[in-house]
């Protein structure tokens, strides 16, 4: 099972939990299982069958390159973070 670090805006849906363990062979399956366990989370993560614009998924230590098809190993850490942009 993956260890999902719950971003602040989703914690109201997880009962305040900052981390949850969720099964999934890839990011899509993990999000589906996250939605089953904590209804409402999927709409905060996915739009039009892809990660929402402005949201990044970090799997292990790397940003996803394959979107929702990113494969997950057991005990993988998953972070959903707002994408950072800007600068001068």
C-alpha atoms as a PDB file:
ATOM      1  CA  UNK A   1       0.000   0.000   0.000  1.00  0.00           C
ATOM      2  CA  UNK A   2       1.126   3.518  -0.752  1.00  0.00           C
ATOM      3  CA  UNK A   3       1.542   6.084   1.981  1.00  0.00           C
ATOM      4  CA  UNK A   4      -0.363   9.183   0.836  1.00  0.00           C
ATOM      5  CA  UNK A   5       0.516  12.493   2.450  1.00  0.00           C
ATOM      6  CA  UNK A   6      -2.766  14.390   2.606  1.00  0.00           C
ATOM      7  CA  UNK A   7      -2.577  18.058   1.617  1.00  0.00           C
ATOM      8  CA  UNK A   8      -4.218  20.590   3.901  1.00  0.00           C
ATOM      9  CA  UNK A   9      -7.228  21.196   1.625  1.00  0.00           C
ATOM     10  CA  UNK A  10      -8.143  17.459   1.715  1.00  0.00           C
ATOM     11  CA  UNK A  11      -7.781  16.859   5.441  1.00  0.00           C
ATOM     12  CA  UNK A  12     -11.406  17.744   6.144  1.00  0.00           C
ATOM     13  CA  UNK A  13     -12.311  14.683   4.032  1.00  0.00           C
ATOM     14  CA  UNK A  14      -9.894  12.357   5.848  1.00  0.00           C
ATOM     15  CA  UNK A  15     -11.010  13.323   9.344  1.00  0.00           C
ATOM     16  CA  UNK A  16      -7.914  15.465   9.833  1.00  0.00           C
ATOM     17  CA  UNK A  17      -5.461  12.688   8.996  1.00  0.00           C
ATOM     18  CA  UNK A  18      -2.208  13.917   7.498  1.00  0.00           C
ATOM     19  CA  UNK A  19      -1.254  10.492   6.083  1.00  0.00           C
ATOM     20  CA  UNK A  20      -3.324   7.544   4.892  1.00  0.00           C
ATOM     21  CA  UNK A  21      -2.402   4.115   3.512  1.00  0.00           C
ATOM     22  CA  UNK A  22      -4.134   3.303   0.218  1.00  0.00           C
ATOM     23  CA  UNK A  23      -3.685   0.359  -2.169  1.00  0.00           C
ATOM     24  CA  UNK A  24      -3.106   0.846  -5.889  1.00  0.00           C
ATOM     25  CA  UNK A  25      -0.955  -0.490  -8.712  1.00  0.00           C
ATOM     26  CA  UNK A  26      -0.856   2.922 -10.362  1.00  0.00           C
ATOM     27  CA  UNK A  27      -1.841   6.479  -9.509  1.00  0.00           C
ATOM     28  CA  UNK A  28      -5.290   6.127 -11.121  1.00  0.00           C
ATOM     29  CA  UNK A  29      -6.133   3.071  -9.014  1.00  0.00           C
ATOM     30  CA  UNK A  30      -4.794   4.748  -5.877  1.00  0.00           C
ATOM     31  CA  UNK A  31      -7.043   7.784  -6.480  1.00  0.00           C
ATOM     32  CA  UNK A  32     -10.074   5.526  -7.055  1.00  0.00           C
ATOM     33  CA  UNK A  33      -9.362   3.724  -3.760  1.00  0.00           C
ATOM     34  CA  UNK A  34      -8.769   7.044  -2.014  1.00  0.00           C
ATOM     35  CA  UNK A  35     -12.198   8.178  -3.243  1.00  0.00           C
ATOM     36  CA  UNK A  36     -13.835   4.984  -1.920  1.00  0.00           C
ATOM     37  CA  UNK A  37     -12.287   5.488   1.498  1.00  0.00           C
ATOM     38  CA  UNK A  38     -12.714   9.279   1.600  1.00  0.00           C
ATOM     39  CA  UNK A  39     -15.514  10.451  -0.734  1.00  0.00           C
ATOM     40  CA  UNK A  40     -14.858  13.804  -2.352  1.00  0.00           C
ATOM     41  CA  UNK A  41     -11.088  13.467  -2.640  1.00  0.00           C
ATOM     42  CA  UNK A  42     -11.100  12.528  -6.334  1.00  0.00           C
ATOM     43  CA  UNK A  43     -12.740  15.785  -7.413  1.00  0.00           C
ATOM     44  CA  UNK A  44      -9.924  17.685  -5.696  1.00  0.00           C
ATOM     45  CA  UNK A  45      -7.270  15.702  -7.609  1.00  0.00           C
ATOM     46  CA  UNK A  46      -8.665  14.753 -11.026  1.00  0.00           C
ATOM     47  CA  UNK A  47     -10.276  16.712 -13.851  1.00  0.00           C
ATOM     48  CA  UNK A  48     -11.059  15.265 -17.298  1.00  0.00           C
ATOM     49  CA  UNK A  49      -9.287  11.994 -16.430  1.00  0.00           C
ATOM     50  CA  UNK A  50      -5.978  13.712 -15.588  1.00  0.00           C
ATOM     51  CA  UNK A  51      -4.426  15.535 -12.664  1.00  0.00           C
ATOM     52  CA  UNK A  52      -6.054  18.907 -12.163  1.00  0.00           C
ATOM     53  CA  UNK A  53      -4.177  21.857 -13.642  1.00  0.00           C
ATOM     54  CA  UNK A  54      -1.997  23.421 -10.992  1.00  0.00           C
ATOM     55  CA  UNK A  55      -1.600  20.145  -9.082  1.00  0.00           C
ATOM     56  CA  UNK A  56       1.510  17.977  -9.093  1.00  0.00           C
ATOM     57  CA  UNK A  57       1.843  14.393  -7.902  1.00  0.00           C
ATOM     58  CA  UNK A  58       5.167  13.342  -6.428  1.00  0.00           C
ATOM     59  CA  UNK A  59       5.657   9.569  -6.376  1.00  0.00           C
ATOM     60  CA  UNK A  60       8.611   8.478  -4.321  1.00  0.00           C
ATOM     61  CA  UNK A  61      10.956  11.389  -4.848  1.00  0.00           C
ATOM     62  CA  UNK A  62      10.041  12.213  -8.445  1.00  0.00           C
ATOM     63  CA  UNK A  63       7.275  14.252 -10.077  1.00  0.00           C
ATOM     64  CA  UNK A  64       5.033  12.059 -12.204  1.00  0.00           C
ATOM     65  CA  UNK A  65       5.852  11.899 -15.893  1.00  0.00           C
ATOM     66  CA  UNK A  66       3.152   9.383 -16.849  1.00  0.00           C
ATOM     67  CA  UNK A  67       0.227  11.090 -15.112  1.00  0.00           C
ATOM     68  CA  UNK A  68      -2.387   8.719 -13.730  1.00  0.00           C
ATOM     69  CA  UNK A  69      -0.630   5.694 -15.265  1.00  0.00           C
ATOM     70  CA  UNK A  70       2.423   6.159 -13.006  1.00  0.00           C
ATOM     71  CA  UNK A  71       3.158   2.766 -11.468  1.00  0.00           C
ATOM     72  CA  UNK A  72       3.376   2.450  -7.704  1.00  0.00           C
ATOM     73  CA  UNK A  73       5.476   0.080  -5.635  1.00  0.00           C
ATOM     74  CA  UNK A  74       4.496  -1.112  -2.163  1.00  0.00           C
ATOM     75  CA  UNK A  75       5.299   1.479   0.476  1.00  0.00           C
ATOM     76  CA  UNK A  76       5.649   4.245  -2.120  1.00  0.00           C
ATOM     77  CA  UNK A  77       5.162   7.741  -0.767  1.00  0.00           C
ATOM     78  CA  UNK A  78       2.701   9.882  -2.729  1.00  0.00           C
ATOM     79  CA  UNK A  79       2.332  13.632  -2.300  1.00  0.00           C
ATOM     80  CA  UNK A  80      -0.236  15.846  -4.051  1.00  0.00           C
ATOM     81  CA  UNK A  81       1.120  19.392  -4.137  1.00  0.00           C
ATOM     82  CA  UNK A  82       0.048  22.646  -5.758  1.00  0.00           C
ATOM     83  CA  UNK A  83       2.341  23.342  -8.677  1.00  0.00           C
ATOM     84  CA  UNK A  84       4.679  26.252  -8.075  1.00  0.00           C
ATOM     85  CA  UNK A  85       5.313  28.773 -10.805  1.00  0.00           C
ATOM     86  CA  UNK A  86       6.281  32.344 -11.245  1.00  0.00           C
ATOM     87  CA  UNK A  87       9.410  34.321 -10.774  1.00  0.00           C
ATOM     88  CA  UNK A  88      10.924  37.317 -12.356  1.00  0.00           C
END
